[in-house]
Amino acid sequence: MAVLRDAATGAIVAPNVERLSGFRARLVGLLARASVPRGQGIWLNACGAIHTLGMRAAIDVIFLDRSGCVLQLDRHVAPNRPLLSCRGAIAVVELGSGTLDASALTIGDRLELVPDAGLSGAASITARRR
């Protein structure tokens, strides 16, 4: 697990986010979970659209561009939506519903994943604002 934070301010958006990369892990995503607590979620690379078909809980969704810049924020996305997409997105972060309500995150902020131990050694997304 890693910490999702605002790269410019260091503010923590979610303390427990897992980057999913394998085909099976990405295919299942959050579908296997009966609930997704606030502050927990997944980061999907090479992804510009999601669905919530078969999910049992609402989620918050963040669409990111190549540099980790927030393109779109969708709060409390209900289960069983056939499609949610964002033009230009190359990554999606799915979080427990209500996580974004506790965050000051806005369009244009840059996000990064950092190891949860010590909050140093940022992941591939760099720290800068537009």
N, C-alpha and C. Protein backbone atom coordinates (compact mmCIF):
# COMPACT_ATOMS: atom_id res chain seq x y z
N MET A 1 0.84 -1.19 0.00
CA MET A 1 0.00 0.00 0.00
C MET A 1 0.88 1.25 0.00
N ALA A 2 0.29 2.31 -0.52
CA ALA A 2 0.99 3.58 -0.58
C ALA A 2 0.04 4.69 -0.16
N VAL A 3 0.59 5.87 0.01
CA VAL A 3 -0.17 7.05 0.38
C VAL A 3 -0.37 7.90 -0.87
N LEU A 4 -1.61 8.32 -1.11
CA LEU A 4 -1.92 9.22 -2.22
C LEU A 4 -1.92 10.62 -1.65
N ARG A 5 -1.08 11.48 -2.23
CA ARG A 5 -1.01 12.84 -1.71
C ARG A 5 -0.90 13.87 -2.83
N ASP A 6 -1.24 15.10 -2.48
CA ASP A 6 -1.09 16.25 -3.36
C ASP A 6 0.40 16.54 -3.45
N ALA A 7 0.96 16.52 -4.64
CA ALA A 7 2.40 16.67 -4.82
C ALA A 7 2.91 18.05 -4.42
N ALA A 8 2.09 19.06 -4.58
CA ALA A 8 2.54 20.42 -4.28
C ALA A 8 2.47 20.74 -2.79
N THR A 9 1.40 20.32 -2.14
CA THR A 9 1.20 20.69 -0.74
C THR A 9 1.59 19.59 0.24
N GLY A 10 1.65 18.36 -0.24
CA GLY A 10 1.94 17.23 0.63
C GLY A 10 0.72 16.73 1.38
N ALA A 11 -0.43 17.36 1.16
CA ALA A 11 -1.66 16.95 1.85
C ALA A 11 -2.03 15.53 1.43
N ILE A 12 -2.36 14.71 2.40
CA ILE A 12 -2.74 13.33 2.13
C ILE A 12 -4.20 13.28 1.68
N VAL A 13 -4.42 12.69 0.52
CA VAL A 13 -5.76 12.51 -0.02
C VAL A 13 -6.33 11.19 0.48
N ALA A 14 -5.50 10.14 0.46
CA ALA A 14 -5.92 8.81 0.93
C ALA A 14 -4.70 8.06 1.45
N PRO A 15 -4.78 7.49 2.65
CA PRO A 15 -3.61 6.84 3.24
C PRO A 15 -3.34 5.41 2.76
N ASN A 16 -4.28 4.77 2.08
CA ASN A 16 -4.10 3.37 1.68
C ASN A 16 -4.55 3.14 0.25
N VAL A 17 -3.63 3.33 -0.68
CA VAL A 17 -3.94 3.14 -2.10
C VAL A 17 -2.97 2.13 -2.70
N GLU A 18 -3.51 1.21 -3.45
CA GLU A 18 -2.71 0.16 -4.07
C GLU A 18 -2.68 0.39 -5.59
N ARG A 19 -1.48 0.36 -6.16
CA ARG A 19 -1.35 0.48 -7.62
C ARG A 19 -1.54 -0.92 -8.21
N LEU A 20 -2.54 -1.07 -9.06
CA LEU A 20 -2.81 -2.36 -9.70
C LEU A 20 -2.23 -2.36 -11.10
N SER A 21 -1.48 -3.41 -11.42
CA SER A 21 -0.86 -3.45 -12.74
C SER A 21 -1.16 -4.73 -13.51
N GLY A 22 -1.36 -5.84 -12.86
CA GLY A 22 -1.63 -7.09 -13.56
C GLY A 22 -3.02 -7.11 -14.17
N PHE A 23 -3.18 -7.85 -15.27
CA PHE A 23 -4.46 -7.91 -15.97
C PHE A 23 -5.59 -8.35 -15.04
N ARG A 24 -5.38 -9.43 -14.32
CA ARG A 24 -6.43 -9.95 -13.44
C ARG A 24 -6.76 -8.96 -12.32
N ALA A 25 -5.74 -8.40 -11.70
CA ALA A 25 -5.97 -7.45 -10.62
C ALA A 25 -6.74 -6.24 -11.12
N ARG A 26 -6.38 -5.75 -12.30
CA ARG A 26 -7.08 -4.60 -12.88
C ARG A 26 -8.51 -4.95 -13.27
N LEU A 27 -8.70 -6.17 -13.78
CA LEU A 27 -10.03 -6.61 -14.19
C LEU A 27 -10.97 -6.67 -12.99
N VAL A 28 -10.50 -7.19 -11.89
CA VAL A 28 -11.33 -7.32 -10.68
C VAL A 28 -11.45 -5.97 -9.96
N GLY A 29 -10.35 -5.24 -9.86
CA GLY A 29 -10.36 -3.93 -9.21
C GLY A 29 -11.02 -3.97 -7.85
N LEU A 30 -12.03 -3.15 -7.65
CA LEU A 30 -12.74 -3.09 -6.37
C LEU A 30 -13.99 -3.97 -6.37
N LEU A 31 -14.25 -4.68 -7.47
CA LEU A 31 -15.47 -5.49 -7.58
C LEU A 31 -15.57 -6.56 -6.50
N ALA A 32 -14.46 -7.10 -6.08
CA ALA A 32 -14.48 -8.20 -5.11
C ALA A 32 -14.74 -7.73 -3.68
N ARG A 33 -14.75 -6.45 -3.45
CA ARG A 33 -14.90 -5.93 -2.10
C ARG A 33 -16.37 -5.58 -1.80
N ALA A 34 -16.84 -6.00 -0.65
CA ALA A 34 -18.21 -5.70 -0.24
C ALA A 34 -18.36 -4.21 0.10
N SER A 35 -17.28 -3.62 0.57
CA SER A 35 -17.28 -2.19 0.87
C SER A 35 -15.87 -1.66 0.65
N VAL A 36 -15.78 -0.36 0.45
CA VAL A 36 -14.49 0.30 0.30
C VAL A 36 -14.47 1.45 1.31
N PRO A 37 -13.71 1.30 2.38
CA PRO A 37 -13.67 2.35 3.41
C PRO A 37 -13.07 3.65 2.88
N ARG A 38 -13.47 4.75 3.48
CA ARG A 38 -12.86 6.04 3.15
C ARG A 38 -11.36 5.93 3.35
N GLY A 39 -10.61 6.54 2.45
CA GLY A 39 -9.16 6.55 2.57
C GLY A 39 -8.48 5.36 1.93
N GLN A 40 -9.25 4.41 1.42
CA GLN A 40 -8.68 3.24 0.75
C GLN A 40 -9.07 3.26 -0.72
N GLY A 41 -8.21 2.65 -1.56
CA GLY A 41 -8.55 2.59 -2.97
C GLY A 41 -7.46 1.98 -3.82
N ILE A 42 -7.62 2.19 -5.13
CA ILE A 42 -6.69 1.64 -6.11
C ILE A 42 -6.34 2.70 -7.15
N TRP A 43 -5.16 2.54 -7.74
CA TRP A 43 -4.66 3.39 -8.82
C TRP A 43 -4.51 2.49 -10.03
N LEU A 44 -5.15 2.85 -11.14
CA LEU A 44 -5.09 2.07 -12.38
C LEU A 44 -4.38 2.88 -13.45
N ASN A 45 -3.22 2.41 -13.92
CA ASN A 45 -2.54 3.06 -15.03
C ASN A 45 -3.15 2.61 -16.35
N ALA A 46 -2.85 3.33 -17.41
CA ALA A 46 -3.35 3.01 -18.76
C ALA A 46 -4.85 2.80 -18.73
N CYS A 47 -5.56 3.77 -18.14
CA CYS A 47 -7.00 3.64 -17.96
C CYS A 47 -7.62 5.03 -18.09
N GLY A 48 -8.61 5.15 -18.96
CA GLY A 48 -9.31 6.42 -19.12
C GLY A 48 -10.79 6.32 -18.89
N ALA A 49 -11.27 5.10 -18.57
CA ALA A 49 -12.69 4.89 -18.33
C ALA A 49 -12.87 3.71 -17.38
N ILE A 50 -13.93 3.77 -16.60
CA ILE A 50 -14.25 2.68 -15.68
C ILE A 50 -15.74 2.41 -15.73
N HIS A 51 -16.15 1.34 -15.06
CA HIS A 51 -17.56 1.06 -14.84
C HIS A 51 -17.72 0.63 -13.39
N THR A 52 -18.93 0.66 -12.89
CA THR A 52 -19.18 0.18 -11.53
C THR A 52 -20.20 -0.97 -11.56
N LEU A 53 -20.31 -1.63 -12.69
CA LEU A 53 -21.22 -2.77 -12.81
C LEU A 53 -20.79 -3.88 -11.86
N GLY A 54 -21.70 -4.35 -11.06
CA GLY A 54 -21.40 -5.41 -10.12
C GLY A 54 -20.83 -4.95 -8.79
N MET A 55 -20.52 -3.67 -8.68
CA MET A 55 -19.99 -3.17 -7.40
C MET A 55 -21.12 -3.09 -6.39
N ARG A 56 -20.75 -3.17 -5.12
CA ARG A 56 -21.74 -3.12 -4.05
C ARG A 56 -21.67 -1.83 -3.24
N ALA A 57 -20.75 -0.96 -3.60
CA ALA A 57 -20.58 0.28 -2.84
C ALA A 57 -20.27 1.43 -3.79
N ALA A 58 -20.67 2.62 -3.39
CA ALA A 58 -20.33 3.82 -4.16
C ALA A 58 -18.84 4.11 -3.98
N ILE A 59 -18.25 4.81 -4.95
CA ILE A 59 -16.83 5.17 -4.88
C ILE A 59 -16.63 6.62 -5.32
N ASP A 60 -15.50 7.18 -4.96
CA ASP A 60 -15.03 8.45 -5.50
C ASP A 60 -14.01 8.12 -6.58
N VAL A 61 -13.99 8.92 -7.66
CA VAL A 61 -13.12 8.63 -8.79
C VAL A 61 -12.34 9.88 -9.18
N ILE A 62 -11.03 9.68 -9.43
CA ILE A 62 -10.15 10.76 -9.89
C ILE A 62 -9.53 10.33 -11.20
N PHE A 63 -9.69 11.15 -12.24
CA PHE A 63 -9.06 10.90 -13.53
C PHE A 63 -7.82 11.78 -13.64
N LEU A 64 -6.70 11.17 -14.07
CA LEU A 64 -5.41 11.87 -14.13
C LEU A 64 -4.83 11.86 -15.54
N ASP A 65 -4.08 12.91 -15.87
CA ASP A 65 -3.37 12.94 -17.14
C ASP A 65 -1.99 12.32 -16.97
N ARG A 66 -1.18 12.38 -18.01
CA ARG A 66 0.14 11.75 -18.03
C ARG A 66 1.06 12.22 -16.90
N SER A 67 0.92 13.46 -16.48
CA SER A 67 1.80 13.99 -15.43
C SER A 67 1.20 13.87 -14.03
N GLY A 68 0.05 13.20 -13.91
CA GLY A 68 -0.57 13.05 -12.60
C GLY A 68 -1.48 14.20 -12.22
N CYS A 69 -1.78 15.05 -13.19
CA CYS A 69 -2.64 16.20 -12.96
C CYS A 69 -4.11 15.76 -12.97
N VAL A 70 -4.87 16.23 -11.99
CA VAL A 70 -6.29 15.89 -11.89
C VAL A 70 -7.07 16.55 -13.02
N LEU A 71 -7.74 15.72 -13.82
CA LEU A 71 -8.58 16.20 -14.91
C LEU A 71 -10.05 16.27 -14.52
N GLN A 72 -10.47 15.31 -13.68
CA GLN A 72 -11.88 15.22 -13.32
C GLN A 72 -12.02 14.53 -11.97
N LEU A 73 -12.96 15.01 -11.17
CA LEU A 73 -13.27 14.42 -9.87
C LEU A 73 -14.75 14.03 -9.88
N ASP A 74 -15.04 12.79 -9.55
CA ASP A 74 -16.43 12.33 -9.47
C ASP A 74 -16.65 11.75 -8.08
N ARG A 75 -17.53 12.38 -7.33
CA ARG A 75 -17.81 11.96 -5.96
C ARG A 75 -19.04 11.06 -5.90
N HIS A 76 -19.00 10.09 -5.00
CA HIS A 76 -20.14 9.22 -4.70
C HIS A 76 -20.74 8.58 -5.96
N VAL A 77 -19.90 7.99 -6.78
CA VAL A 77 -20.37 7.31 -8.00
C VAL A 77 -21.10 6.03 -7.57
N ALA A 78 -22.33 5.93 -7.96
CA ALA A 78 -23.18 4.81 -7.55
C ALA A 78 -22.77 3.50 -8.23
N PRO A 79 -23.06 2.39 -7.57
CA PRO A 79 -22.82 1.09 -8.20
C PRO A 79 -23.66 0.94 -9.47
N ASN A 80 -23.21 0.08 -10.36
CA ASN A 80 -23.91 -0.31 -11.58
C ASN A 80 -24.01 0.77 -12.65
N ARG A 81 -23.05 1.69 -12.67
CA ARG A 81 -22.95 2.64 -13.78
C ARG A 81 -22.18 1.95 -14.90
N PRO A 82 -22.72 1.96 -16.11
CA PRO A 82 -22.05 1.24 -17.21
C PRO A 82 -20.76 1.90 -17.68
N LEU A 83 -20.63 3.21 -17.56
CA LEU A 83 -19.42 3.87 -18.07
C LEU A 83 -19.23 5.22 -17.39
N LEU A 84 -18.00 5.47 -17.02
CA LEU A 84 -17.57 6.77 -16.52
C LEU A 84 -16.21 7.02 -17.15
N SER A 85 -16.08 8.09 -17.92
CA SER A 85 -14.82 8.32 -18.63
C SER A 85 -14.42 9.78 -18.59
N CYS A 86 -13.19 10.03 -19.03
CA CYS A 86 -12.66 11.38 -19.08
C CYS A 86 -11.66 11.47 -20.24
N ARG A 87 -11.92 12.35 -21.15
CA ARG A 87 -11.03 12.55 -22.28
C ARG A 87 -9.66 13.01 -21.81
N GLY A 88 -8.61 12.35 -22.30
CA GLY A 88 -7.24 12.71 -21.95
C GLY A 88 -6.69 11.99 -20.74
N ALA A 89 -7.54 11.26 -20.02
CA ALA A 89 -7.07 10.55 -18.82
C ALA A 89 -6.24 9.33 -19.21
N ILE A 90 -5.16 9.10 -18.48
CA ILE A 90 -4.34 7.91 -18.69
C ILE A 90 -4.23 7.08 -17.40
N ALA A 91 -4.83 7.58 -16.33
CA ALA A 91 -4.85 6.85 -15.07
C ALA A 91 -6.13 7.22 -14.31
N VAL A 92 -6.59 6.27 -13.49
CA VAL A 92 -7.79 6.49 -12.69
C VAL A 92 -7.50 6.02 -11.26
N VAL A 93 -7.93 6.81 -10.31
CA VAL A 93 -7.85 6.43 -8.90
C VAL A 93 -9.28 6.25 -8.41
N GLU A 94 -9.57 5.06 -7.87
CA GLU A 94 -10.87 4.76 -7.29
C GLU A 94 -10.70 4.69 -5.78
N LEU A 95 -11.54 5.44 -5.06
CA LEU A 95 -11.43 5.53 -3.60
C LEU A 95 -12.78 5.26 -2.94
N GLY A 96 -12.75 4.91 -1.68
CA GLY A 96 -13.98 4.75 -0.93
C GLY A 96 -14.78 6.05 -0.96
N SER A 97 -16.09 5.92 -1.13
CA SER A 97 -16.96 7.08 -1.21
C SER A 97 -16.81 7.95 0.03
N GLY A 98 -16.70 9.25 -0.18
CA GLY A 98 -16.52 10.19 0.91
C GLY A 98 -15.08 10.62 1.13
N THR A 99 -14.14 9.91 0.52
CA THR A 99 -12.73 10.28 0.67
C THR A 99 -12.48 11.69 0.14
N LEU A 100 -13.05 12.01 -1.00
CA LEU A 100 -12.82 13.34 -1.59
C LEU A 100 -13.51 14.45 -0.81
N ASP A 101 -14.57 14.13 -0.08
CA ASP A 101 -15.25 15.14 0.73
C ASP A 101 -14.33 15.70 1.81
N ALA A 102 -13.39 14.90 2.26
CA ALA A 102 -12.46 15.31 3.32
C ALA A 102 -11.18 15.92 2.75
N SER A 103 -11.15 16.12 1.43
CA SER A 103 -9.95 16.61 0.77
C SER A 103 -10.20 17.96 0.11
N ALA A 104 -9.15 18.76 -0.01
CA ALA A 104 -9.25 20.04 -0.70
C ALA A 104 -8.82 19.90 -2.16
N LEU A 105 -8.73 18.69 -2.65
CA LEU A 105 -8.27 18.41 -4.00
C LEU A 105 -9.15 19.09 -5.05
N THR A 106 -8.51 19.70 -6.05
CA THR A 106 -9.24 20.36 -7.14
C THR A 106 -8.64 19.99 -8.49
N ILE A 107 -9.35 20.32 -9.54
CA ILE A 107 -8.87 20.11 -10.90
C ILE A 107 -7.55 20.88 -11.04
N GLY A 108 -6.55 20.22 -11.62
CA GLY A 108 -5.25 20.86 -11.82
C GLY A 108 -4.20 20.46 -10.79
N ASP A 109 -4.64 19.96 -9.63
CA ASP A 109 -3.67 19.48 -8.64
C ASP A 109 -2.97 18.25 -9.19
N ARG A 110 -1.73 18.05 -8.77
CA ARG A 110 -0.98 16.85 -9.17
C ARG A 110 -0.91 15.89 -8.00
N LEU A 111 -1.09 14.62 -8.31
CA LEU A 111 -1.06 13.59 -7.29
C LEU A 111 0.15 12.70 -7.45
N GLU A 112 0.55 12.10 -6.34
CA GLU A 112 1.64 11.13 -6.35
C GLU A 112 1.34 10.04 -5.33
N LEU A 113 1.90 8.88 -5.59
CA LEU A 113 1.85 7.76 -4.64
C LEU A 113 3.21 7.66 -3.99
N VAL A 114 3.23 7.63 -2.68
CA VAL A 114 4.50 7.49 -1.97
C VAL A 114 4.39 6.29 -1.03
N PRO A 115 5.50 5.63 -0.76
CA PRO A 115 5.46 4.51 0.18
C PRO A 115 4.88 5.00 1.51
N ASP A 116 4.07 4.18 2.14
CA ASP A 116 3.44 4.62 3.39
C ASP A 116 4.41 4.72 4.55
N ALA A 117 5.58 4.15 4.42
CA ALA A 117 6.58 4.26 5.48
C ALA A 117 7.46 5.47 5.23
N GLY A 118 7.21 6.56 5.92
CA GLY A 118 8.06 7.73 5.85
C GLY A 118 7.66 8.79 4.85
N LEU A 119 6.76 8.48 3.94
CA LEU A 119 6.30 9.44 2.94
C LEU A 119 7.44 10.06 2.14
N SER A 120 8.46 9.24 1.80
CA SER A 120 9.53 9.75 0.97
C SER A 120 9.71 8.83 -0.23
N GLY A 121 10.44 9.26 -1.21
CA GLY A 121 10.66 8.45 -2.39
C GLY A 121 9.44 8.40 -3.28
N ALA A 122 8.97 9.54 -3.73
CA ALA A 122 7.74 9.63 -4.52
C ALA A 122 7.76 8.70 -5.71
N ALA A 123 6.59 8.21 -6.05
CA ALA A 123 6.41 7.35 -7.22
C ALA A 123 6.67 8.15 -8.48
N SER A 124 6.40 7.59 -9.61
CA SER A 124 6.78 8.16 -10.90
C SER A 124 6.15 9.51 -11.21
N ILE A 125 5.10 9.89 -10.52
CA ILE A 125 4.47 11.18 -10.79
C ILE A 125 5.26 12.27 -10.05
N THR A 126 5.60 13.33 -10.75
CA THR A 126 6.45 14.36 -10.19
C THR A 126 5.65 15.41 -9.41
N ALA A 127 6.36 16.16 -8.59
CA ALA A 127 5.71 17.16 -7.74
C ALA A 127 5.80 18.55 -8.35
N ARG A 128 4.71 18.99 -8.94
CA ARG A 128 4.58 20.35 -9.45
C ARG A 128 3.13 20.62 -9.73
N ARG A 129 2.74 21.88 -9.67
CA ARG A 129 1.39 22.29 -10.07
C ARG A 129 1.49 22.97 -11.42
N ARG A 130 0.36 22.99 -12.12
CA ARG A 130 0.29 23.72 -13.39
C ARG A 130 0.51 25.17 -13.16
